[in-house]
Amino acid sequence: MIVATQALRAPLAEPQQEAAAIPLPAPIMRTASWSSFDAPDARAAWDKLAQRASEPNPFFESWYLLPALRTQDPDQSVTLLCAEQNGALIGLLPIRLERRYYQRPVPHLASWHHPNCFLGAPLVAAGQERPFWQALLEWADRNPGSGLFLHLPQLPLAGPLYAALIDELRAQGRFAALVHREDRAMLASDLSADAYLEAALSGKKRKELRRQFARLSELGDIQFERRTDAAGLERWVDDFLALEHSGWKGAAGSALASHHATTLLFREGLAGAAAHGRLERLTLTLDGEPIAMLASFLTPPGAFSYKTAFDERFSRFSPGVLLQRENLAMLDHPAVRWTDSCAAADHPMIDHIWRERRAIGRVSIAIGGPLRRFAFRLIAKAELGRNPAGLTP
């Protein structure tokens, strides 16, 4: 499916305004092994970039991406594309030459992602979005290898980063295709938590939640705990892994604790998030034992609901929903304007509580010379069926 996208344009500057500042040089795009960035100075530059990024993405920050690479890319097939300007890091994207394209033997360059990465936006310093894309596309043209196109999965389809990509594609007359789009639940409102719940759920549903909470309270002492520090984190992680594994995910082999690599990623990722002031933990306990848990990443002005789990023995009381009702307090967070659910589209639970939606898509872009670009048009046409117009004219 292709969705036509309106490019965002900045207003023209008035001619009588003061002279513009001296333009910065174009970024230099270089590649680096991710292991070379696993050093104090490199991580410090990376963390500084994350603080300046126009599109927050915790999954590409140092404290999460490095553990993901260590556990899932031992042969270091993933490369870090680093855009530098005047010696400063202004853009970063993990990239790899993939041999298969969603079950098909079609080689292509792609930003790297894994099942526990819920956003693919590169980290780009605010104000440098257009130069970053230009440098990235020039690099891909020069270094396609056997790749037939560039593929960017899990890309947010709104905001300055995406608008700059569309502008650059149109300026170059470069063909691109939005090959998939989904709208996932998002929390973004000026309402208070109570007012939001009243607007989102019917009176009957709110009454049912009150009843379930009352019945649950009859079983023992019920408490909610919210923490943003690292106190007791190791025990909290142990409890979360056990809680998630005790349910259907454990039975299906998809729980974090089902695999050594994802267990390590969760442990190291949450420890790194806490050390960087990025972690919020919300817990519902019954007589001191957790029965619902939520880990969120705080990346002002946004936040991301990373992982949640609940004790299925208490399903009749909807502990996961009760936890999300409490989590509406995120609306009152002074530094957070929106929260990405990281949930699949049409999620049966969160979609009924969070009313806003965030568009996420997969974008494929022509690279290289005329023959390679022609081949990509054929691939895009086959993938998109009757509507192969793409995002650019």
Foldseek 3Di string as FASTA:
>chain_A
DFDADDFDDDDDDDPVDDDDDDDFDQWAKDKDQVVVCPDVVSLVLQVVLQLQFQDHFLCPRPLQVVLLCVLPPVVRQWIWIFTDTPRGTFKIFIKHFDQADPPHRATAIEGDDDPQGLARDIRGGPPCLLSVLVNVQVVCQVDTDSHLWYKGFRYFCDGDNNSSNLVNCQVVVWFKGFLDKFKAFKAFDLDALVVLQPVLDPPVVVVLLVVLVVVLVVQAHKDKDKDQACVPVVVVLVLQQVQALVDPCVVVLNGLVSDPSSSSSVVSSQVSQNVVSFWMKMFIDGVRRTFKIWIKGHRFLAIEGRDIGGHVVSVVSVVHLVSVSVVSNLSVPPGYRMYGDSDGHPDVRVCSRGPHITMTTMMITGHYDDVSSVVVLVVQCVSVPPDSRGHYD
